Amino acid sequence: MSDEYTIEEVSQHNTDFDAWIIIHKDIYDITEFLNEHPGGKHILMTVVGGDATEYFEELHNPKILDEYGSQYKIGVLI
């Protein structure tokens, strides 16, 4: 079962040493992924600590979460 977090808790994880994002109410710890992101770390840093759903949907195929999301998903938004 996933852990549950509030938006306030997610917002505290907003640095390149501790980076969480929300996509469709799922919470991902992308700290280890920052330097691997094909679009660059700086783009992700604009959304860490918050809801990246709109950004994600504009630029990614939703199936990418099925393929890679489970290794970064840490919980759900309550």
PDB file of N, CA and C in Angstrom:
ATOM      1  N   MET A   1       0.842  -1.192   0.000  1.00  0.00           N
ATOM      2  CA  MET A   1       0.000   0.000   0.000  1.00  0.00           C
ATOM      3  C   MET A   1       0.875   1.239   0.000  1.00  0.00           C
ATOM      4  N   SER A   2       0.481   2.226  -0.747  1.00  0.00           N
ATOM      5  CA  SER A   2       1.237   3.471  -0.845  1.00  0.00           C
ATOM      6  C   SER A   2       1.035   4.335   0.387  1.00  0.00           C
ATOM      7  N   ASP A   3       2.043   5.122   0.686  1.00  0.00           N
ATOM      8  CA  ASP A   3       1.907   6.111   1.750  1.00  0.00           C
ATOM      9  C   ASP A   3       1.072   7.276   1.243  1.00  0.00           C
ATOM     10  N   GLU A   4       0.476   8.004   2.181  1.00  0.00           N
ATOM     11  CA  GLU A   4      -0.351   9.153   1.832  1.00  0.00           C
ATOM     12  C   GLU A   4       0.301  10.429   2.342  1.00  0.00           C
ATOM     13  N   TYR A   5       0.279  11.466   1.500  1.00  0.00           N
ATOM     14  CA  TYR A   5       0.893  12.738   1.830  1.00  0.00           C
ATOM     15  C   TYR A   5      -0.041  13.880   1.463  1.00  0.00           C
ATOM     16  N   THR A   6       0.110  14.992   2.137  1.00  0.00           N
ATOM     17  CA  THR A   6      -0.634  16.207   1.802  1.00  0.00           C
ATOM     18  C   THR A   6       0.202  17.040   0.833  1.00  0.00           C
ATOM     19  N   ILE A   7      -0.444  18.001   0.198  1.00  0.00           N
ATOM     20  CA  ILE A   7       0.264  18.908  -0.704  1.00  0.00           C
ATOM     21  C   ILE A   7       1.331  19.690   0.067  1.00  0.00           C
ATOM     22  N   GLU A   8       1.043  19.994   1.323  1.00  0.00           N
ATOM     23  CA  GLU A   8       2.010  20.721   2.146  1.00  0.00           C
ATOM     24  C   GLU A   8       3.269  19.877   2.382  1.00  0.00           C
ATOM     25  N   GLU A   9       3.088  18.587   2.604  1.00  0.00           N
ATOM     26  CA  GLU A   9       4.236  17.708   2.799  1.00  0.00           C
ATOM     27  C   GLU A   9       5.062  17.597   1.514  1.00  0.00           C
ATOM     28  N   VAL A  10       4.387  17.463   0.389  1.00  0.00           N
ATOM     29  CA  VAL A  10       5.094  17.372  -0.891  1.00  0.00           C
ATOM     30  C   VAL A  10       5.876  18.654  -1.152  1.00  0.00           C
ATOM     31  N   SER A  11       5.293  19.786  -0.838  1.00  0.00           N
ATOM     32  CA  SER A  11       5.934  21.073  -1.132  1.00  0.00           C
ATOM     33  C   SER A  11       7.263  21.257  -0.400  1.00  0.00           C
ATOM     34  N   GLN A  12       7.490  20.519   0.658  1.00  0.00           N
ATOM     35  CA  GLN A  12       8.744  20.619   1.411  1.00  0.00           C
ATOM     36  C   GLN A  12       9.895  19.889   0.718  1.00  0.00           C
ATOM     37  N   HIS A  13       9.596  19.111  -0.291  1.00  0.00           N
ATOM     38  CA  HIS A  13      10.603  18.322  -1.010  1.00  0.00           C
ATOM     39  C   HIS A  13      10.863  18.989  -2.363  1.00  0.00           C
ATOM     40  N   ASN A  14      11.555  20.119  -2.318  1.00  0.00           N
ATOM     41  CA  ASN A  14      11.677  20.977  -3.495  1.00  0.00           C
ATOM     42  C   ASN A  14      13.108  21.390  -3.833  1.00  0.00           C
ATOM     43  N   THR A  15      14.060  20.515  -3.536  1.00  0.00           N
ATOM     44  CA  THR A  15      15.452  20.810  -3.858  1.00  0.00           C
ATOM     45  C   THR A  15      16.020  19.695  -4.733  1.00  0.00           C
ATOM     46  N   ASP A  16      17.200  19.935  -5.283  1.00  0.00           N
ATOM     47  CA  ASP A  16      17.791  18.887  -6.113  1.00  0.00           C
ATOM     48  C   ASP A  16      18.371  17.749  -5.283  1.00  0.00           C
ATOM     49  N   PHE A  17      18.326  17.871  -3.966  1.00  0.00           N
ATOM     50  CA  PHE A  17      18.748  16.791  -3.069  1.00  0.00           C
ATOM     51  C   PHE A  17      17.550  16.042  -2.486  1.00  0.00           C
ATOM     52  N   ASP A  18      16.352  16.543  -2.753  1.00  0.00           N
ATOM     53  CA  ASP A  18      15.117  15.974  -2.208  1.00  0.00           C
ATOM     54  C   ASP A  18      13.955  16.486  -3.053  1.00  0.00           C
ATOM     55  N   ALA A  19      13.657  15.789  -4.154  1.00  0.00           N
ATOM     56  CA  ALA A  19      12.716  16.302  -5.147  1.00  0.00           C
ATOM     57  C   ALA A  19      11.527  15.361  -5.336  1.00  0.00           C
ATOM     58  N   TRP A  20      10.353  15.843  -4.953  1.00  0.00           N
ATOM     59  CA  TRP A  20       9.122  15.095  -5.148  1.00  0.00           C
ATOM     60  C   TRP A  20       8.218  15.870  -6.105  1.00  0.00           C
ATOM     61  N   ILE A  21       7.420  15.127  -6.877  1.00  0.00           N
ATOM     62  CA  ILE A  21       6.402  15.742  -7.724  1.00  0.00           C
ATOM     63  C   ILE A  21       5.108  14.937  -7.624  1.00  0.00           C
ATOM     64  N   ILE A  22       4.031  15.588  -8.027  1.00  0.00           N
ATOM     65  CA  ILE A  22       2.712  14.959  -8.087  1.00  0.00           C
ATOM     66  C   ILE A  22       2.310  14.853  -9.549  1.00  0.00           C
ATOM     67  N   ILE A  23       1.862  13.667  -9.953  1.00  0.00           N
ATOM     68  CA  ILE A  23       1.269  13.468 -11.276  1.00  0.00           C
ATOM     69  C   ILE A  23       0.019  12.631 -11.075  1.00  0.00           C
ATOM     70  N   HIS A  24      -1.121  13.207 -11.414  1.00  0.00           N
ATOM     71  CA  HIS A  24      -2.421  12.523 -11.256  1.00  0.00           C
ATOM     72  C   HIS A  24      -2.619  11.995  -9.837  1.00  0.00           C
ATOM     73  N   LYS A  25      -2.293  12.784  -8.856  1.00  0.00           N
ATOM     74  CA  LYS A  25      -2.460  12.464  -7.433  1.00  0.00           C
ATOM     75  C   LYS A  25      -1.523  11.371  -6.929  1.00  0.00           C
ATOM     76  N   ASP A  26      -0.615  10.908  -7.778  1.00  0.00           N
ATOM     77  CA  ASP A  26       0.438   9.995  -7.342  1.00  0.00           C
ATOM     78  C   ASP A  26       1.689  10.836  -7.063  1.00  0.00           C
ATOM     79  N   ILE A  27       2.441  10.426  -6.060  1.00  0.00           N
ATOM     80  CA  ILE A  27       3.625  11.187  -5.660  1.00  0.00           C
ATOM     81  C   ILE A  27       4.869  10.380  -6.001  1.00  0.00           C
ATOM     82  N   TYR A  28       5.805  11.074  -6.635  1.00  0.00           N
ATOM     83  CA  TYR A  28       7.043  10.448  -7.084  1.00  0.00           C
ATOM     84  C   TYR A  28       8.243  11.172  -6.479  1.00  0.00           C
ATOM     85  N   ASP A  29       9.188  10.393  -5.980  1.00  0.00           N
ATOM     86  CA  ASP A  29      10.465  10.944  -5.533  1.00  0.00           C
ATOM     87  C   ASP A  29      11.413  10.832  -6.720  1.00  0.00           C
ATOM     88  N   ILE A  30      11.664  11.958  -7.372  1.00  0.00           N
ATOM     89  CA  ILE A  30      12.477  11.952  -8.588  1.00  0.00           C
ATOM     90  C   ILE A  30      13.906  12.425  -8.342  1.00  0.00           C
ATOM     91  N   THR A  31      14.311  12.453  -7.091  1.00  0.00           N
ATOM     92  CA  THR A  31      15.650  12.932  -6.748  1.00  0.00           C
ATOM     93  C   THR A  31      16.723  12.231  -7.574  1.00  0.00           C
ATOM     94  N   GLU A  32      16.680  10.916  -7.622  1.00  0.00           N
ATOM     95  CA  GLU A  32      17.698  10.145  -8.350  1.00  0.00           C
ATOM     96  C   GLU A  32      17.545  10.266  -9.867  1.00  0.00           C
ATOM     97  N   PHE A  33      16.371  10.683 -10.327  1.00  0.00           N
ATOM     98  CA  PHE A  33      16.099  10.792 -11.762  1.00  0.00           C
ATOM     99  C   PHE A  33      16.489  12.147 -12.337  1.00  0.00           C
ATOM    100  N   LEU A  34      16.665  13.140 -11.504  1.00  0.00           N
ATOM    101  CA  LEU A  34      16.911  14.494 -11.990  1.00  0.00           C
ATOM    102  C   LEU A  34      18.009  14.564 -13.044  1.00  0.00           C
ATOM    103  N   ASN A  35      19.140  13.962 -12.778  1.00  0.00           N
ATOM    104  CA  ASN A  35      20.269  14.041 -13.708  1.00  0.00           C
ATOM    105  C   ASN A  35      20.134  13.095 -14.898  1.00  0.00           C
ATOM    106  N   GLU A  36      19.141  12.214 -14.871  1.00  0.00           N
ATOM    107  CA  GLU A  36      18.911  11.284 -15.970  1.00  0.00           C
ATOM    108  C   GLU A  36      17.833  11.770 -16.937  1.00  0.00           C
ATOM    109  N   HIS A  37      17.070  12.779 -16.530  1.00  0.00           N
ATOM    110  CA  HIS A  37      15.949  13.251 -17.348  1.00  0.00           C
ATOM    111  C   HIS A  37      16.445  13.758 -18.703  1.00  0.00           C
ATOM    112  N   PRO A  38      15.921  13.209 -19.796  1.00  0.00           N
ATOM    113  CA  PRO A  38      16.385  13.610 -21.125  1.00  0.00           C
ATOM    114  C   PRO A  38      16.222  15.100 -21.423  1.00  0.00           C
ATOM    115  N   GLY A  39      15.241  15.729 -20.810  1.00  0.00           N
ATOM    116  CA  GLY A  39      15.010  17.157 -21.033  1.00  0.00           C
ATOM    117  C   GLY A  39      15.849  18.058 -20.147  1.00  0.00           C
ATOM    118  N   GLY A  40      16.606  17.460 -19.261  1.00  0.00           N
ATOM    119  CA  GLY A  40      17.462  18.232 -18.371  1.00  0.00           C
ATOM    120  C   GLY A  40      16.874  18.422 -16.987  1.00  0.00           C
ATOM    121  N   LYS A  41      17.753  18.544 -16.046  1.00  0.00           N
ATOM    122  CA  LYS A  41      17.382  18.718 -14.638  1.00  0.00           C
ATOM    123  C   LYS A  41      16.632  20.030 -14.402  1.00  0.00           C
ATOM    124  N   HIS A  42      17.067  21.101 -15.065  1.00  0.00           N
ATOM    125  CA  HIS A  42      16.487  22.420 -14.803  1.00  0.00           C
ATOM    126  C   HIS A  42      14.988  22.472 -15.083  1.00  0.00           C
ATOM    127  N   ILE A  43      14.529  21.720 -16.059  1.00  0.00           N
ATOM    128  CA  ILE A  43      13.099  21.704 -16.370  1.00  0.00           C
ATOM    129  C   ILE A  43      12.311  21.075 -15.230  1.00  0.00           C
ATOM    130  N   LEU A  44      12.816  19.981 -14.702  1.00  0.00           N
ATOM    131  CA  LEU A  44      12.134  19.326 -13.580  1.00  0.00           C
ATOM    132  C   LEU A  44      12.146  20.203 -12.333  1.00  0.00           C
ATOM    133  N   MET A  45      13.208  20.962 -12.144  1.00  0.00           N
ATOM    134  CA  MET A  45      13.308  21.800 -10.949  1.00  0.00           C
ATOM    135  C   MET A  45      12.223  22.874 -10.907  1.00  0.00           C
ATOM    136  N   THR A  46      11.615  23.171 -12.029  1.00  0.00           N
ATOM    137  CA  THR A  46      10.537  24.169 -12.029  1.00  0.00           C
ATOM    138  C   THR A  46       9.239  23.618 -11.460  1.00  0.00           C
ATOM    139  N   VAL A  47       9.140  22.273 -11.320  1.00  0.00           N
ATOM    140  CA  VAL A  47       7.907  21.677 -10.821  1.00  0.00           C
ATOM    141  C   VAL A  47       8.080  20.860  -9.546  1.00  0.00           C
ATOM    142  N   VAL A  48       9.313  20.685  -9.067  1.00  0.00           N
ATOM    143  CA  VAL A  48       9.479  19.875  -7.853  1.00  0.00           C
ATOM    144  C   VAL A  48       8.784  20.536  -6.680  1.00  0.00           C
ATOM    145  N   GLY A  49       8.231  19.697  -5.828  1.00  0.00           N
ATOM    146  CA  GLY A  49       7.483  20.180  -4.679  1.00  0.00           C
ATOM    147  C   GLY A  49       6.045  20.529  -5.001  1.00  0.00           C
ATOM    148  N   GLY A  50       5.620  20.228  -6.222  1.00  0.00           N
ATOM    149  CA  GLY A  50       4.262  20.589  -6.604  1.00  0.00           C
ATOM    150  C   GLY A  50       3.660  19.621  -7.597  1.00  0.00           C
ATOM    151  N   ASP A  51       2.537  20.047  -8.154  1.00  0.00           N
ATOM    152  CA  ASP A  51       1.788  19.227  -9.100  1.00  0.00           C
ATOM    153  C   ASP A  51       2.336  19.438 -10.507  1.00  0.00           C
ATOM    154  N   ALA A  52       2.892  18.384 -11.071  1.00  0.00           N
ATOM    155  CA  ALA A  52       3.493  18.437 -12.403  1.00  0.00           C
ATOM    156  C   ALA A  52       2.595  17.796 -13.457  1.00  0.00           C
ATOM    157  N   THR A  53       1.341  17.543 -13.126  1.00  0.00           N
ATOM    158  CA  THR A  53       0.440  16.825 -14.028  1.00  0.00           C
ATOM    159  C   THR A  53       0.314  17.513 -15.384  1.00  0.00           C
ATOM    160  N   GLU A  54       0.031  18.799 -15.385  1.00  0.00           N
ATOM    161  CA  GLU A  54      -0.172  19.520 -16.645  1.00  0.00           C
ATOM    162  C   GLU A  54       1.109  19.503 -17.492  1.00  0.00           C
ATOM    163  N   TYR A  55       2.221  19.782 -16.859  1.00  0.00           N
ATOM    164  CA  TYR A  55       3.520  19.761 -17.548  1.00  0.00           C
ATOM    165  C   TYR A  55       3.773  18.371 -18.129  1.00  0.00           C
ATOM    166  N   PHE A  56       3.563  17.347 -17.321  1.00  0.00           N
ATOM    167  CA  PHE A  56       3.805  15.977 -17.750  1.00  0.00           C
ATOM    168  C   PHE A  56       2.934  15.623 -18.957  1.00  0.00           C
ATOM    169  N   GLU A  57       1.651  15.931 -18.882  1.00  0.00           N
ATOM    170  CA  GLU A  57       0.722  15.577 -19.951  1.00  0.00           C
ATOM    171  C   GLU A  57       1.051  16.269 -21.266  1.00  0.00           C
ATOM    172  N   GLU A  58       1.585  17.482 -21.201  1.00  0.00           N
ATOM    173  CA  GLU A  58       1.936  18.224 -22.407  1.00  0.00           C
ATOM    174  C   GLU A  58       3.114  17.604 -23.147  1.00  0.00           C
ATOM    175  N   LEU A  59       4.011  16.965 -22.409  1.00  0.00           N
ATOM    176  CA  LEU A  59       5.282  16.553 -23.002  1.00  0.00           C
ATOM    177  C   LEU A  59       5.546  15.049 -23.048  1.00  0.00           C
ATOM    178  N   HIS A  60       4.708  14.244 -22.416  1.00  0.00           N
ATOM    179  CA  HIS A  60       5.007  12.821 -22.304  1.00  0.00           C
ATOM    180  C   HIS A  60       3.832  11.934 -22.704  1.00  0.00           C
ATOM    181  N   ASN A  61       4.160  10.753 -23.168  1.00  0.00           N
ATOM    182  CA  ASN A  61       3.172   9.719 -23.404  1.00  0.00           C
ATOM    183  C   ASN A  61       2.787   9.150 -22.034  1.00  0.00           C
ATOM    184  N   PRO A  62       1.499   9.047 -21.727  1.00  0.00           N
ATOM    185  CA  PRO A  62       1.082   8.544 -20.413  1.00  0.00           C
ATOM    186  C   PRO A  62       1.622   7.156 -20.090  1.00  0.00           C
ATOM    187  N   LYS A  63       1.908   6.359 -21.101  1.00  0.00           N
ATOM    188  CA  LYS A  63       2.399   5.003 -20.879  1.00  0.00           C
ATOM    189  C   LYS A  63       3.782   4.983 -20.233  1.00  0.00           C
ATOM    190  N   ILE A  64       4.485   6.100 -20.265  1.00  0.00           N
ATOM    191  CA  ILE A  64       5.817   6.131 -19.662  1.00  0.00           C
ATOM    192  C   ILE A  64       5.738   5.901 -18.151  1.00  0.00           C
ATOM    193  N   LEU A  65       4.648   6.321 -17.531  1.00  0.00           N
ATOM    194  CA  LEU A  65       4.475   6.064 -16.095  1.00  0.00           C
ATOM    195  C   LEU A  65       4.264   4.582 -15.826  1.00  0.00           C
ATOM    196  N   ASP A  66       3.580   3.894 -16.733  1.00  0.00           N
ATOM    197  CA  ASP A  66       3.410   2.447 -16.581  1.00  0.00           C
ATOM    198  C   ASP A  66       4.755   1.737 -16.649  1.00  0.00           C
ATOM    199  N   GLU A  67       5.620   2.252 -17.489  1.00  0.00           N
ATOM    200  CA  GLU A  67       6.913   1.615 -17.710  1.00  0.00           C
ATOM    201  C   GLU A  67       7.944   1.954 -16.640  1.00  0.00           C
ATOM    202  N   TYR A  68       7.997   3.225 -16.234  1.00  0.00           N
ATOM    203  CA  TYR A  68       9.055   3.666 -15.330  1.00  0.00           C
ATOM    204  C   TYR A  68       8.582   4.202 -13.985  1.00  0.00           C
ATOM    205  N   GLY A  69       7.320   4.541 -13.889  1.00  0.00           N
ATOM    206  CA  GLY A  69       6.814   5.214 -12.699  1.00  0.00           C
ATOM    207  C   GLY A  69       6.919   4.439 -11.405  1.00  0.00           C
ATOM    208  N   SER A  70       6.776   3.122 -11.467  1.00  0.00           N
ATOM    209  CA  SER A  70       6.748   2.339 -10.230  1.00  0.00           C
ATOM    210  C   SER A  70       8.050   2.434  -9.432  1.00  0.00           C
ATOM    211  N   GLN A  71       9.158   2.646 -10.099  1.00  0.00           N
ATOM    212  CA  GLN A  71      10.422   2.735  -9.365  1.00  0.00           C
ATOM    213  C   GLN A  71      10.578   4.060  -8.620  1.00  0.00           C
ATOM    214  N   TYR A  72       9.754   5.067  -8.964  1.00  0.00           N
ATOM    215  CA  TYR A  72       9.840   6.361  -8.309  1.00  0.00           C
ATOM    216  C   TYR A  72       8.617   6.706  -7.458  1.00  0.00           C
ATOM    217  N   LYS A  73       7.518   5.980  -7.652  1.00  0.00           N
ATOM    218  CA  LYS A  73       6.287   6.293  -6.911  1.00  0.00           C
ATOM    219  C   LYS A  73       6.462   5.936  -5.436  1.00  0.00           C
ATOM    220  N   ILE A  74       6.134   6.918  -4.580  1.00  0.00           N
ATOM    221  CA  ILE A  74       6.282   6.706  -3.139  1.00  0.00           C
ATOM    222  C   ILE A  74       4.965   6.840  -2.386  1.00  0.00           C
ATOM    223  N   GLY A  75       3.928   7.332  -3.043  1.00  0.00           N
ATOM    224  CA  GLY A  75       2.668   7.498  -2.337  1.00  0.00           C
ATOM    225  C   GLY A  75       1.618   8.168  -3.177  1.00  0.00           C
ATOM    226  N   VAL A  76       0.556   8.590  -2.476  1.00  0.00           N
ATOM    227  CA  VAL A  76      -0.580   9.258  -3.121  1.00  0.00           C
ATOM    228  C   VAL A  76      -0.932  10.513  -2.339  1.00  0.00           C
ATOM    229  N   LEU A  77      -1.553  11.430  -3.034  1.00  0.00           N
ATOM    230  CA  LEU A  77      -1.992  12.691  -2.440  1.00  0.00           C
ATOM    231  C   LEU A  77      -3.315  12.479  -1.717  1.00  0.00           C
ATOM    232  N   ILE A  78      -3.415  13.036  -0.495  1.00  0.00           N
ATOM    233  CA  ILE A  78      -4.691  12.967   0.231  1.00  0.00           C
ATOM    234  C   ILE A  78      -5.283  14.345   0.356  1.00  0.00           C
TER     235      ILE A  78
END
